[in-house]
Amino acid sequence: MSFSYPTVSLGSMEYNVYSDVSDAAAYLDATITEAGTGWRAADTDTQARALVSSTRWLDAAQWLGAQTDTTNALQWPRTGVTDVDPNTLPTPLSLACIELAAMLIVDPDLRANLANPITKEQKAGSVLQTVFRPHDVQVLTFFPANVMSLVSQWLQGPPVVGALPNDVHERSEINRRRDNDFIHGI
């Protein structure tokens, strides 16, 4: 039997999502971020579109486990995922959908912009300072850092929060060789 998802309506179409507009509004009403402010300023259709877009982005990820039912419209719920009920949507996934939706309202091109290097110029009189950072933490992850903190444990591949390993149990190759000091070096 297929899972019953939250939905949003746009015109005559109904879309399955990981969180609906009312749950997202309840969550984001208490948020002071730019994304929360953008959400509250947006109309209901824009909010619904953002939830559809964030659900699609989440569904594009490579998740652990398998769909509980292959007839389900979306990638979740899933079986074979530790500490997750295979018959419900995990709360962190719904919150990730909400967070992404709010960020997409502020920056509709967020997904593409995550891969762009960061360049900032400041000018004071005749002095121009350019700061260029070719790789930000965001470039190295599939989702923005706050979303990664909610769902990274379920993504295939090494668990990461931002670009930092989060569950490393082994010593590095350098540490396995011998104790390094000023005489032996690395």
N, C-alpha and C. Protein backbone atom coordinates (compact mmCIF):
# COMPACT_ATOMS: atom_id res chain seq x y z
N MET A 1 0.84 -1.19 0.00
CA MET A 1 0.00 0.00 0.00
C MET A 1 0.88 1.24 0.00
N SER A 2 0.62 2.18 -0.87
CA SER A 2 1.42 3.40 -0.98
C SER A 2 1.27 4.26 0.26
N PHE A 3 2.34 4.99 0.54
CA PHE A 3 2.39 5.90 1.69
C PHE A 3 1.55 7.14 1.41
N SER A 4 0.93 7.67 2.44
CA SER A 4 0.13 8.90 2.33
C SER A 4 1.00 10.09 2.75
N TYR A 5 1.43 10.87 1.77
CA TYR A 5 2.33 12.00 2.01
C TYR A 5 1.56 13.27 2.32
N PRO A 6 2.24 14.23 3.00
CA PRO A 6 1.68 15.58 3.04
C PRO A 6 1.62 16.09 1.60
N THR A 7 0.73 17.01 1.32
CA THR A 7 0.60 17.54 -0.04
C THR A 7 0.50 19.06 -0.03
N VAL A 8 0.80 19.64 -1.18
CA VAL A 8 0.54 21.05 -1.43
C VAL A 8 -0.19 21.14 -2.76
N SER A 9 -1.04 22.14 -2.91
CA SER A 9 -1.79 22.34 -4.15
C SER A 9 -1.32 23.60 -4.84
N LEU A 10 -1.12 23.46 -6.15
CA LEU A 10 -0.78 24.60 -7.00
C LEU A 10 -1.72 24.54 -8.19
N GLY A 11 -2.62 25.49 -8.27
CA GLY A 11 -3.65 25.44 -9.31
C GLY A 11 -4.50 24.21 -9.08
N SER A 12 -4.67 23.40 -10.10
CA SER A 12 -5.48 22.18 -9.97
C SER A 12 -4.63 20.95 -9.65
N MET A 13 -3.31 21.14 -9.53
CA MET A 13 -2.40 20.01 -9.28
C MET A 13 -2.09 19.88 -7.79
N GLU A 14 -2.00 18.63 -7.35
CA GLU A 14 -1.59 18.33 -5.98
C GLU A 14 -0.24 17.62 -6.03
N TYR A 15 0.68 18.04 -5.17
CA TYR A 15 2.04 17.50 -5.16
C TYR A 15 2.35 16.87 -3.81
N ASN A 16 3.01 15.70 -3.84
CA ASN A 16 3.49 15.07 -2.63
C ASN A 16 4.76 15.78 -2.18
N VAL A 17 4.85 16.04 -0.89
CA VAL A 17 6.01 16.72 -0.32
C VAL A 17 6.35 16.08 1.03
N TYR A 18 7.50 16.44 1.58
CA TYR A 18 7.89 15.92 2.88
C TYR A 18 7.38 16.78 4.04
N SER A 19 6.84 17.94 3.74
CA SER A 19 6.20 18.79 4.75
C SER A 19 5.21 19.70 4.05
N ASP A 20 4.08 19.95 4.66
CA ASP A 20 3.10 20.84 4.03
C ASP A 20 3.30 22.28 4.50
N VAL A 21 2.55 23.19 3.89
CA VAL A 21 2.70 24.62 4.16
C VAL A 21 2.40 24.94 5.62
N SER A 22 1.37 24.34 6.20
CA SER A 22 1.01 24.69 7.58
C SER A 22 2.09 24.24 8.57
N ASP A 23 2.66 23.04 8.40
CA ASP A 23 3.74 22.59 9.29
C ASP A 23 4.98 23.46 9.10
N ALA A 24 5.27 23.80 7.85
CA ALA A 24 6.43 24.65 7.59
C ALA A 24 6.24 26.03 8.22
N ALA A 25 5.05 26.58 8.10
CA ALA A 25 4.77 27.90 8.70
C ALA A 25 4.92 27.85 10.22
N ALA A 26 4.41 26.80 10.84
CA ALA A 26 4.53 26.67 12.30
C ALA A 26 6.00 26.61 12.72
N TYR A 27 6.81 25.90 11.97
CA TYR A 27 8.23 25.79 12.28
C TYR A 27 8.96 27.10 12.02
N LEU A 28 8.71 27.73 10.88
CA LEU A 28 9.46 28.92 10.47
C LEU A 28 8.96 30.21 11.14
N ASP A 29 7.78 30.19 11.71
CA ASP A 29 7.29 31.36 12.44
C ASP A 29 8.19 31.71 13.61
N ALA A 30 8.89 30.73 14.13
CA ALA A 30 9.77 30.95 15.28
C ALA A 30 11.24 31.09 14.89
N THR A 31 11.51 31.27 13.61
CA THR A 31 12.88 31.34 13.11
C THR A 31 13.25 32.79 12.81
N ILE A 32 14.43 33.21 13.25
CA ILE A 32 14.86 34.59 13.02
C ILE A 32 15.84 34.73 11.86
N THR A 33 16.08 33.65 11.14
CA THR A 33 17.03 33.70 10.02
C THR A 33 16.46 34.47 8.85
N GLU A 34 17.32 34.81 7.91
CA GLU A 34 16.89 35.46 6.67
C GLU A 34 15.90 34.57 5.93
N ALA A 35 16.16 33.26 5.96
CA ALA A 35 15.27 32.32 5.29
C ALA A 35 13.88 32.32 5.94
N GLY A 36 13.83 32.37 7.25
CA GLY A 36 12.55 32.43 7.95
C GLY A 36 11.78 33.69 7.63
N THR A 37 12.49 34.80 7.56
CA THR A 37 11.86 36.08 7.21
C THR A 37 11.34 36.03 5.78
N GLY A 38 12.12 35.45 4.88
CA GLY A 38 11.69 35.31 3.49
C GLY A 38 10.45 34.44 3.37
N TRP A 39 10.41 33.36 4.14
CA TRP A 39 9.24 32.47 4.13
C TRP A 39 7.99 33.23 4.55
N ARG A 40 8.08 33.96 5.65
CA ARG A 40 6.90 34.68 6.17
C ARG A 40 6.42 35.76 5.20
N ALA A 41 7.32 36.32 4.41
CA ALA A 41 6.95 37.37 3.46
C ALA A 41 6.36 36.80 2.16
N ALA A 42 6.58 35.53 1.92
CA ALA A 42 6.13 34.92 0.66
C ALA A 42 4.65 34.56 0.71
N ASP A 43 4.02 34.54 -0.47
CA ASP A 43 2.62 34.10 -0.53
C ASP A 43 2.56 32.58 -0.49
N THR A 44 1.37 32.03 -0.29
CA THR A 44 1.19 30.60 -0.11
C THR A 44 1.62 29.80 -1.34
N ASP A 45 1.36 30.31 -2.55
CA ASP A 45 1.81 29.59 -3.75
C ASP A 45 3.33 29.49 -3.82
N THR A 46 4.02 30.57 -3.48
CA THR A 46 5.48 30.55 -3.49
C THR A 46 5.99 29.57 -2.43
N GLN A 47 5.37 29.56 -1.27
CA GLN A 47 5.76 28.61 -0.23
C GLN A 47 5.56 27.17 -0.70
N ALA A 48 4.42 26.91 -1.35
CA ALA A 48 4.15 25.56 -1.86
C ALA A 48 5.18 25.16 -2.92
N ARG A 49 5.50 26.08 -3.82
CA ARG A 49 6.50 25.79 -4.86
C ARG A 49 7.86 25.49 -4.23
N ALA A 50 8.20 26.23 -3.19
CA ALA A 50 9.48 26.00 -2.51
C ALA A 50 9.50 24.62 -1.84
N LEU A 51 8.38 24.19 -1.28
CA LEU A 51 8.32 22.85 -0.67
C LEU A 51 8.43 21.76 -1.73
N VAL A 52 7.82 21.95 -2.89
CA VAL A 52 7.94 20.99 -3.98
C VAL A 52 9.40 20.93 -4.44
N SER A 53 10.02 22.08 -4.61
CA SER A 53 11.42 22.13 -5.06
C SER A 53 12.36 21.48 -4.03
N SER A 54 12.15 21.75 -2.77
CA SER A 54 13.02 21.16 -1.75
C SER A 54 12.81 19.65 -1.65
N THR A 55 11.58 19.19 -1.82
CA THR A 55 11.31 17.75 -1.83
C THR A 55 12.03 17.10 -3.01
N ARG A 56 11.98 17.72 -4.17
CA ARG A 56 12.66 17.18 -5.35
C ARG A 56 14.18 17.11 -5.12
N TRP A 57 14.72 18.16 -4.50
CA TRP A 57 16.16 18.19 -4.21
C TRP A 57 16.50 17.05 -3.25
N LEU A 58 15.72 16.89 -2.20
CA LEU A 58 15.96 15.79 -1.26
C LEU A 58 15.86 14.43 -1.95
N ASP A 59 14.90 14.28 -2.84
CA ASP A 59 14.73 13.01 -3.54
C ASP A 59 15.85 12.71 -4.53
N ALA A 60 16.61 13.71 -4.92
CA ALA A 60 17.73 13.51 -5.84
C ALA A 60 18.96 12.94 -5.15
N ALA A 61 18.98 12.93 -3.83
CA ALA A 61 20.13 12.42 -3.08
C ALA A 61 20.16 10.89 -3.12
N GLN A 62 21.33 10.35 -2.89
CA GLN A 62 21.51 8.90 -2.79
C GLN A 62 21.41 8.52 -1.32
N TRP A 63 20.30 7.89 -0.94
CA TRP A 63 20.02 7.57 0.46
C TRP A 63 20.40 6.13 0.77
N LEU A 64 20.68 5.87 2.03
CA LEU A 64 20.88 4.51 2.50
C LEU A 64 19.57 3.74 2.41
N GLY A 65 19.66 2.43 2.42
CA GLY A 65 18.46 1.60 2.45
C GLY A 65 17.74 1.59 1.12
N ALA A 66 16.45 1.23 1.18
CA ALA A 66 15.61 1.15 -0.02
C ALA A 66 14.22 1.67 0.32
N GLN A 67 13.51 2.11 -0.70
CA GLN A 67 12.13 2.55 -0.49
C GLN A 67 11.34 1.43 0.18
N THR A 68 10.52 1.78 1.15
CA THR A 68 9.68 0.80 1.82
C THR A 68 8.73 0.15 0.81
N ASP A 69 8.23 0.93 -0.10
CA ASP A 69 7.31 0.44 -1.13
C ASP A 69 7.69 1.11 -2.44
N THR A 70 8.03 0.34 -3.46
CA THR A 70 8.48 0.92 -4.73
C THR A 70 7.38 1.67 -5.47
N THR A 71 6.14 1.54 -5.01
CA THR A 71 5.06 2.32 -5.63
C THR A 71 4.91 3.70 -4.99
N ASN A 72 5.69 3.96 -3.93
CA ASN A 72 5.63 5.28 -3.29
C ASN A 72 6.11 6.35 -4.26
N ALA A 73 5.50 7.51 -4.16
CA ALA A 73 5.83 8.61 -5.07
C ALA A 73 7.21 9.21 -4.78
N LEU A 74 7.67 9.14 -3.53
CA LEU A 74 8.93 9.76 -3.13
C LEU A 74 9.90 8.71 -2.59
N GLN A 75 11.13 9.13 -2.34
CA GLN A 75 12.18 8.22 -1.88
C GLN A 75 12.00 7.73 -0.44
N TRP A 76 11.32 8.48 0.37
CA TRP A 76 11.06 8.09 1.76
C TRP A 76 9.58 7.78 1.91
N PRO A 77 9.20 6.94 2.87
CA PRO A 77 10.00 6.23 3.88
C PRO A 77 10.87 5.13 3.26
N ARG A 78 11.88 4.69 4.06
CA ARG A 78 12.87 3.72 3.59
C ARG A 78 13.07 2.62 4.63
N THR A 79 13.45 1.46 4.13
CA THR A 79 13.85 0.35 5.00
C THR A 79 15.37 0.28 5.03
N GLY A 80 15.91 -0.40 6.02
CA GLY A 80 17.35 -0.59 6.10
C GLY A 80 18.10 0.63 6.56
N VAL A 81 17.43 1.56 7.21
CA VAL A 81 18.08 2.76 7.73
C VAL A 81 18.00 2.68 9.26
N THR A 82 19.14 2.67 9.91
CA THR A 82 19.21 2.50 11.36
C THR A 82 18.41 3.56 12.09
N ASP A 83 17.65 3.12 13.07
CA ASP A 83 16.87 3.98 13.97
C ASP A 83 15.80 4.81 13.25
N VAL A 84 15.32 4.34 12.11
CA VAL A 84 14.25 5.03 11.39
C VAL A 84 13.11 4.05 11.15
N ASP A 85 11.92 4.45 11.56
CA ASP A 85 10.73 3.63 11.33
C ASP A 85 10.44 3.59 9.83
N PRO A 86 10.41 2.40 9.23
CA PRO A 86 10.22 2.31 7.78
C PRO A 86 8.80 2.65 7.31
N ASN A 87 7.93 3.03 8.23
CA ASN A 87 6.55 3.34 7.86
C ASN A 87 6.19 4.81 8.08
N THR A 88 7.17 5.63 8.44
CA THR A 88 6.91 7.06 8.67
C THR A 88 8.02 7.91 8.04
N LEU A 89 7.74 9.19 7.91
CA LEU A 89 8.77 10.13 7.49
C LEU A 89 9.52 10.57 8.74
N PRO A 90 10.84 10.45 8.77
CA PRO A 90 11.57 10.91 9.95
C PRO A 90 11.46 12.43 10.09
N THR A 91 11.28 12.88 11.32
CA THR A 91 11.14 14.32 11.58
C THR A 91 12.29 15.13 11.00
N PRO A 92 13.56 14.71 11.16
CA PRO A 92 14.65 15.51 10.57
C PRO A 92 14.53 15.68 9.05
N LEU A 93 13.98 14.70 8.36
CA LEU A 93 13.78 14.83 6.91
C LEU A 93 12.74 15.92 6.62
N SER A 94 11.65 15.92 7.37
CA SER A 94 10.62 16.96 7.19
C SER A 94 11.19 18.34 7.50
N LEU A 95 12.01 18.44 8.55
CA LEU A 95 12.63 19.72 8.89
C LEU A 95 13.63 20.15 7.81
N ALA A 96 14.35 19.19 7.25
CA ALA A 96 15.28 19.51 6.16
C ALA A 96 14.51 20.06 4.96
N CYS A 97 13.36 19.48 4.67
CA CYS A 97 12.51 19.97 3.58
C CYS A 97 12.09 21.42 3.84
N ILE A 98 11.70 21.70 5.07
CA ILE A 98 11.28 23.05 5.44
C ILE A 98 12.44 24.04 5.33
N GLU A 99 13.60 23.66 5.90
CA GLU A 99 14.78 24.54 5.85
C GLU A 99 15.17 24.85 4.40
N LEU A 100 15.22 23.82 3.57
CA LEU A 100 15.56 24.03 2.15
C LEU A 100 14.54 24.93 1.47
N ALA A 101 13.26 24.70 1.74
CA ALA A 101 12.21 25.51 1.12
C ALA A 101 12.39 26.98 1.47
N ALA A 102 12.64 27.27 2.72
CA ALA A 102 12.82 28.66 3.15
C ALA A 102 14.04 29.28 2.48
N MET A 103 15.13 28.51 2.38
CA MET A 103 16.33 29.04 1.72
C MET A 103 16.09 29.25 0.23
N LEU A 104 15.30 28.39 -0.40
CA LEU A 104 14.99 28.54 -1.82
C LEU A 104 14.14 29.77 -2.10
N ILE A 105 13.32 30.17 -1.15
CA ILE A 105 12.54 31.40 -1.32
C ILE A 105 13.48 32.60 -1.38
N VAL A 106 14.48 32.61 -0.52
CA VAL A 106 15.44 33.72 -0.49
C VAL A 106 16.36 33.67 -1.71
N ASP A 107 16.76 32.45 -2.10
CA ASP A 107 17.66 32.28 -3.24
C ASP A 107 17.17 31.11 -4.10
N PRO A 108 16.30 31.39 -5.08
CA PRO A 108 15.76 30.31 -5.92
C PRO A 108 16.82 29.50 -6.66
N ASP A 109 18.00 30.07 -6.84
CA ASP A 109 19.09 29.37 -7.52
C ASP A 109 20.10 28.78 -6.54
N LEU A 110 19.67 28.55 -5.32
CA LEU A 110 20.55 28.07 -4.27
C LEU A 110 21.34 26.83 -4.68
N ARG A 111 20.68 25.88 -5.27
CA ARG A 111 21.36 24.64 -5.64
C ARG A 111 22.53 24.90 -6.58
N ALA A 112 22.34 25.72 -7.56
CA ALA A 112 23.42 26.05 -8.49
C ALA A 112 24.47 26.92 -7.80
N ASN A 113 24.03 27.83 -6.94
CA ASN A 113 24.95 28.75 -6.29
C ASN A 113 25.87 28.08 -5.27
N LEU A 114 25.49 26.90 -4.76
CA LEU A 114 26.35 26.21 -3.81
C LEU A 114 27.69 25.84 -4.42
N ALA A 115 27.73 25.63 -5.71
CA ALA A 115 28.96 25.22 -6.39
C ALA A 115 29.82 26.40 -6.82
N ASN A 116 29.33 27.61 -6.68
CA ASN A 116 30.08 28.79 -7.13
C ASN A 116 31.11 29.21 -6.09
N PRO A 117 32.30 29.60 -6.54
CA PRO A 117 33.28 30.13 -5.61
C PRO A 117 32.79 31.44 -5.02
N ILE A 118 33.33 31.79 -3.90
CA ILE A 118 32.92 33.02 -3.22
C ILE A 118 33.95 34.10 -3.52
N THR A 119 33.49 35.20 -4.09
CA THR A 119 34.34 36.35 -4.35
C THR A 119 33.68 37.57 -3.74
N LYS A 120 34.46 38.34 -3.03
CA LYS A 120 33.92 39.54 -2.40
C LYS A 120 34.91 40.67 -2.62
N GLU A 121 34.39 41.82 -3.06
CA GLU A 121 35.24 42.98 -3.24
C GLU A 121 34.75 44.10 -2.34
N GLN A 122 35.70 44.79 -1.75
CA GLN A 122 35.40 45.97 -0.94
C GLN A 122 36.28 47.10 -1.42
N LYS A 123 35.69 48.28 -1.55
CA LYS A 123 36.46 49.42 -2.02
C LYS A 123 36.27 50.58 -1.04
N ALA A 124 37.38 51.15 -0.66
CA ALA A 124 37.37 52.35 0.19
C ALA A 124 38.32 53.35 -0.45
N GLY A 125 37.73 54.35 -1.07
CA GLY A 125 38.55 55.33 -1.78
C GLY A 125 39.26 54.67 -2.94
N SER A 126 40.59 54.79 -2.98
CA SER A 126 41.35 54.21 -4.09
C SER A 126 41.82 52.78 -3.78
N VAL A 127 41.49 52.28 -2.61
CA VAL A 127 41.93 50.94 -2.21
C VAL A 127 40.83 49.92 -2.52
N LEU A 128 41.20 48.87 -3.25
CA LEU A 128 40.28 47.79 -3.57
C LEU A 128 40.83 46.50 -2.98
N GLN A 129 40.02 45.84 -2.19
CA GLN A 129 40.41 44.56 -1.61
C GLN A 129 39.49 43.48 -2.18
N THR A 130 40.10 42.42 -2.74
CA THR A 130 39.33 41.30 -3.27
C THR A 130 39.66 40.06 -2.46
N VAL A 131 38.64 39.40 -1.98
CA VAL A 131 38.80 38.14 -1.25
C VAL A 131 38.21 37.05 -2.12
N PHE A 132 38.99 36.03 -2.40
CA PHE A 132 38.52 34.94 -3.23
C PHE A 132 38.74 33.64 -2.47
N ARG A 133 37.68 32.91 -2.28
CA ARG A 133 37.76 31.62 -1.61
C ARG A 133 37.17 30.60 -2.57
N PRO A 134 38.03 29.84 -3.27
CA PRO A 134 37.54 28.96 -4.33
C PRO A 134 36.69 27.80 -3.83
N HIS A 135 36.90 27.35 -2.62
CA HIS A 135 36.12 26.22 -2.12
C HIS A 135 35.59 26.53 -0.73
N ASP A 136 34.31 26.68 -0.65
CA ASP A 136 33.64 26.85 0.62
C ASP A 136 33.16 25.47 1.06
N VAL A 137 32.84 25.34 2.32
CA VAL A 137 32.29 24.08 2.83
C VAL A 137 31.10 23.65 1.98
N GLN A 138 30.28 24.59 1.55
CA GLN A 138 29.08 24.26 0.80
C GLN A 138 29.37 23.60 -0.54
N VAL A 139 30.51 23.89 -1.14
CA VAL A 139 30.84 23.32 -2.43
C VAL A 139 31.03 21.82 -2.31
N LEU A 140 31.41 21.35 -1.14
CA LEU A 140 31.78 19.95 -0.95
C LEU A 140 30.63 19.07 -0.48
N THR A 141 29.44 19.61 -0.32
CA THR A 141 28.31 18.83 0.16
C THR A 141 27.12 18.95 -0.78
N PHE A 142 26.21 18.00 -0.70
CA PHE A 142 25.04 17.98 -1.57
C PHE A 142 23.98 18.98 -1.13
N PHE A 143 23.93 19.27 0.17
CA PHE A 143 22.95 20.19 0.73
C PHE A 143 23.68 21.26 1.53
N PRO A 144 23.02 22.40 1.81
CA PRO A 144 23.60 23.39 2.72
C PRO A 144 23.89 22.77 4.09
N ALA A 145 24.82 23.35 4.83
CA ALA A 145 25.30 22.77 6.09
C ALA A 145 24.18 22.51 7.10
N ASN A 146 23.22 23.43 7.23
CA ASN A 146 22.16 23.21 8.22
C ASN A 146 21.28 22.03 7.84
N VAL A 147 21.11 21.78 6.56
CA VAL A 147 20.33 20.62 6.10
C VAL A 147 21.17 19.35 6.28
N MET A 148 22.46 19.43 5.96
CA MET A 148 23.34 18.28 6.16
C MET A 148 23.32 17.83 7.62
N SER A 149 23.26 18.78 8.54
CA SER A 149 23.25 18.40 9.96
C SER A 149 22.01 17.61 10.32
N LEU A 150 20.94 17.74 9.55
CA LEU A 150 19.70 17.01 9.80
C LEU A 150 19.68 15.63 9.15
N VAL A 151 20.27 15.48 7.96
CA VAL A 151 20.09 14.25 7.18
C VAL A 151 21.37 13.52 6.78
N SER A 152 22.53 14.04 7.10
CA SER A 152 23.77 13.44 6.60
C SER A 152 23.95 11.99 7.03
N GLN A 153 23.42 11.61 8.18
CA GLN A 153 23.58 10.24 8.66
C GLN A 153 22.87 9.23 7.78
N TRP A 154 21.97 9.65 6.91
CA TRP A 154 21.21 8.75 6.04
C TRP A 154 21.68 8.78 4.60
N LEU A 155 22.65 9.63 4.29
CA LEU A 155 23.16 9.70 2.92
C LEU A 155 24.16 8.59 2.67
N GLN A 156 24.19 8.06 1.44
CA GLN A 156 25.21 7.08 1.10
C GLN A 156 26.54 7.78 1.04
N GLY A 157 27.59 7.07 1.38
CA GLY A 157 28.92 7.65 1.40
C GLY A 157 29.29 8.00 2.82
N PRO A 158 30.45 8.61 3.00
CA PRO A 158 30.88 8.93 4.37
C PRO A 158 29.97 9.97 5.00
N PRO A 159 29.61 9.80 6.28
CA PRO A 159 28.76 10.78 6.93
C PRO A 159 29.51 12.10 7.10
N VAL A 160 28.91 13.18 6.68
CA VAL A 160 29.55 14.48 6.81
C VAL A 160 28.56 15.51 7.30
N VAL A 161 29.08 16.49 8.00
CA VAL A 161 28.32 17.67 8.36
C VAL A 161 29.16 18.80 7.81
N GLY A 162 28.64 19.51 6.85
CA GLY A 162 29.48 20.45 6.12
C GLY A 162 30.52 19.61 5.39
N ALA A 163 31.78 19.92 5.56
CA ALA A 163 32.82 19.12 4.94
C ALA A 163 33.62 18.38 5.99
N LEU A 164 33.11 18.30 7.20
CA LEU A 164 33.85 17.69 8.29
C LEU A 164 33.33 16.29 8.57
N PRO A 165 34.21 15.29 8.65
CA PRO A 165 33.75 13.96 8.98
C PRO A 165 33.11 13.95 10.34
N ASN A 166 32.04 13.21 10.47
CA ASN A 166 31.32 13.21 11.72
C ASN A 166 31.23 11.80 12.29
N ASP A 167 31.94 10.92 12.39
CA ASP A 167 31.74 9.61 12.95
C ASP A 167 32.95 8.79 12.56
N VAL A 168 34.12 9.36 12.70
CA VAL A 168 35.34 8.69 12.28
C VAL A 168 35.83 7.83 13.44
N HIS A 169 36.02 6.55 13.18
CA HIS A 169 36.44 5.63 14.23
C HIS A 169 37.86 5.11 14.02
N GLU A 170 38.50 5.44 12.92
CA GLU A 170 39.82 4.91 12.65
C GLU A 170 40.85 6.01 12.73
N ARG A 171 42.08 5.59 13.03
CA ARG A 171 43.19 6.54 13.02
C ARG A 171 43.58 6.83 11.59
N SER A 172 44.16 7.98 11.35
CA SER A 172 44.57 8.31 10.00
C SER A 172 45.78 7.48 9.59
N GLU A 173 46.06 7.45 8.30
CA GLU A 173 47.22 6.72 7.78
C GLU A 173 48.50 7.26 8.39
N ILE A 174 48.58 8.55 8.59
CA ILE A 174 49.77 9.16 9.18
C ILE A 174 49.97 8.64 10.59
N ASN A 175 48.91 8.56 11.38
CA ASN A 175 49.03 8.10 12.75
C ASN A 175 49.32 6.61 12.85
N ARG A 176 48.99 5.82 11.84
CA ARG A 176 49.26 4.38 11.87
C ARG A 176 50.74 4.08 11.69
N ARG A 177 51.45 4.93 10.98
CA ARG A 177 52.85 4.64 10.65
C ARG A 177 53.72 4.60 11.90
N ARG A 178 53.71 5.64 12.65
CA ARG A 178 54.47 5.73 13.91
C ARG A 178 54.16 7.08 14.53
N ASP A 179 54.58 7.24 15.72
CA ASP A 179 54.38 8.54 16.35
C ASP A 179 55.26 9.56 15.65
N ASN A 180 54.68 10.64 15.26
CA ASN A 180 55.42 11.70 14.58
C ASN A 180 55.91 12.71 15.60
N ASP A 181 57.11 13.18 15.39
CA ASP A 181 57.66 14.21 16.25
C ASP A 181 58.55 15.11 15.40
N PHE A 182 59.30 16.00 16.05
CA PHE A 182 60.13 16.92 15.28
C PHE A 182 61.26 16.21 14.55
N ILE A 183 61.70 15.06 15.05
CA ILE A 183 62.81 14.35 14.44
C ILE A 183 62.32 13.52 13.24
N HIS A 184 61.22 12.79 13.41
CA HIS A 184 60.75 11.90 12.35
C HIS A 184 59.82 12.58 11.34
N GLY A 185 59.13 13.59 11.73
CA GLY A 185 58.22 14.28 10.82
C GLY A 185 57.10 13.38 10.37
N ILE A 186 56.51 13.74 9.27
CA ILE A 186 55.39 12.94 8.78
C ILE A 186 55.88 11.98 7.82
